[in-house]
Amino acid sequence: MNAMERMLSDELTRLIDRLAGTTPDGSLERVRAVAPTLGTRLADLEARLAAKRTSLVEDYARWRQTLDDLENVWALAAWRSASEDPVDESRRLAA
């Protein structure tokens, strides 16, 4: 589990804890029976939350990969600048 997944899990756990402390048992079933539109809205929001979580985790993975790529390119640039026989850009462009 990466840092983003841990943070999202912690936030979801806190929400569930708050809901558990304020929502009576069986509330969801009663809401679905008495106010189906509200039950549908809850289901829709939960689906949106799951989709946003997936998107954030995927974006974070791409973020980490880009950080790694940047670090690698900087390492290559440092290695190239420290090499004993640096490539002369004017010679390379002329060829």
Protein backbone atom coordinates (compact mmCIF):
# COMPACT_ATOMS: atom_id res chain seq x y z
CA MET A 1 0.00 0.00 0.00
CA ASN A 2 1.52 3.32 -1.05
CA ALA A 3 1.26 6.65 0.78
CA MET A 4 -1.81 7.74 -1.20
CA GLU A 5 -3.65 4.49 -0.48
CA ARG A 6 -2.82 4.78 3.24
CA MET A 7 -4.10 8.35 3.39
CA LEU A 8 -7.32 7.49 1.55
CA SER A 9 -7.88 4.44 3.76
CA ASP A 10 -7.33 6.52 6.90
CA GLU A 11 -9.84 9.13 5.73
CA LEU A 12 -12.41 6.48 4.84
CA THR A 13 -11.89 4.78 8.21
CA ARG A 14 -12.49 8.09 10.01
CA LEU A 15 -15.69 8.64 8.01
CA ILE A 16 -16.94 5.14 8.78
CA ASP A 17 -16.16 5.64 12.47
CA ARG A 18 -18.11 8.92 12.51
CA LEU A 19 -21.04 7.31 10.70
CA ALA A 20 -20.99 4.30 13.02
CA GLY A 21 -21.24 6.62 16.00
CA THR A 22 -24.19 8.62 14.65
CA THR A 23 -26.17 6.20 12.46
CA PRO A 24 -28.49 3.62 14.01
CA ASP A 25 -28.25 -0.01 12.92
CA GLY A 26 -30.42 -0.81 9.93
CA SER A 27 -30.57 2.79 8.70
CA LEU A 28 -29.60 1.97 5.13
CA GLU A 29 -32.33 -0.63 4.77
CA ARG A 30 -34.92 1.76 6.23
CA VAL A 31 -33.76 4.60 3.96
CA ARG A 32 -34.02 2.37 0.89
CA ALA A 33 -37.55 1.33 1.90
CA VAL A 34 -38.84 4.76 2.93
CA ALA A 35 -36.85 7.05 0.61
CA PRO A 36 -35.57 5.08 -2.37
CA THR A 37 -34.30 8.26 -4.05
CA LEU A 38 -32.08 8.94 -1.06
CA GLY A 39 -30.89 5.33 -1.09
CA THR A 40 -30.02 5.69 -4.77
CA ARG A 41 -28.18 8.93 -4.02
CA LEU A 42 -26.14 7.17 -1.33
CA ALA A 43 -25.25 4.36 -3.73
CA ASP A 44 -24.29 6.87 -6.43
CA LEU A 45 -22.04 8.81 -4.06
CA GLU A 46 -20.37 5.64 -2.85
CA ALA A 47 -19.71 4.62 -6.46
CA ARG A 48 -18.30 8.09 -7.23
CA LEU A 49 -16.09 7.89 -4.15
CA ALA A 50 -14.73 4.51 -5.24
CA ALA A 51 -14.06 5.85 -8.74
CA LYS A 52 -12.28 8.94 -7.38
CA ARG A 53 -10.16 6.74 -5.11
CA THR A 54 -9.13 4.61 -8.07
CA SER A 55 -8.29 7.71 -10.08
CA LEU A 56 -6.22 9.22 -7.25
CA VAL A 57 -4.28 5.99 -6.72
CA GLU A 58 -3.58 5.68 -10.45
CA ASP A 59 -2.57 9.36 -10.71
CA TYR A 60 -0.31 8.95 -7.70
CA ALA A 61 1.38 5.96 -9.35
CA ARG A 62 1.97 8.09 -12.45
CA TRP A 63 3.27 10.91 -10.20
CA ARG A 64 5.76 8.54 -8.57
CA GLN A 65 6.87 7.20 -11.96
CA THR A 66 7.44 10.75 -13.23
CA LEU A 67 9.48 11.55 -10.11
CA ASP A 68 11.59 8.46 -10.76
CA ASP A 69 11.98 9.39 -14.43
CA LEU A 70 13.07 12.90 -13.50
CA GLU A 71 15.57 11.58 -11.00
CA ASN A 72 16.96 9.19 -13.60
CA VAL A 73 17.34 11.90 -16.21
CA TRP A 74 19.09 14.16 -13.71
CA ALA A 75 21.42 11.28 -12.82
CA LEU A 76 22.14 10.77 -16.51
CA ALA A 77 22.77 14.50 -16.95
CA ALA A 78 25.13 14.50 -13.97
CA TRP A 79 26.94 11.45 -15.30
CA ARG A 80 27.24 12.99 -18.77
CA SER A 81 28.51 16.30 -17.39
CA ALA A 82 31.12 14.49 -15.31
CA SER A 83 32.31 12.22 -18.09
CA GLU A 84 35.89 12.68 -19.26
CA ASP A 85 34.95 12.99 -22.93
CA PRO A 86 31.75 15.02 -23.11
CA VAL A 87 30.04 15.06 -26.46
CA ASP A 88 30.67 18.35 -28.23
CA GLU A 89 27.19 19.54 -29.19
CA SER A 90 28.47 21.58 -32.13
CA ARG A 91 30.20 18.51 -33.62
CA ARG A 92 27.16 16.37 -33.15
CA LEU A 93 24.87 18.96 -34.73
CA ALA A 94 27.23 19.36 -37.69
CA ALA A 95 27.18 15.63 -38.37
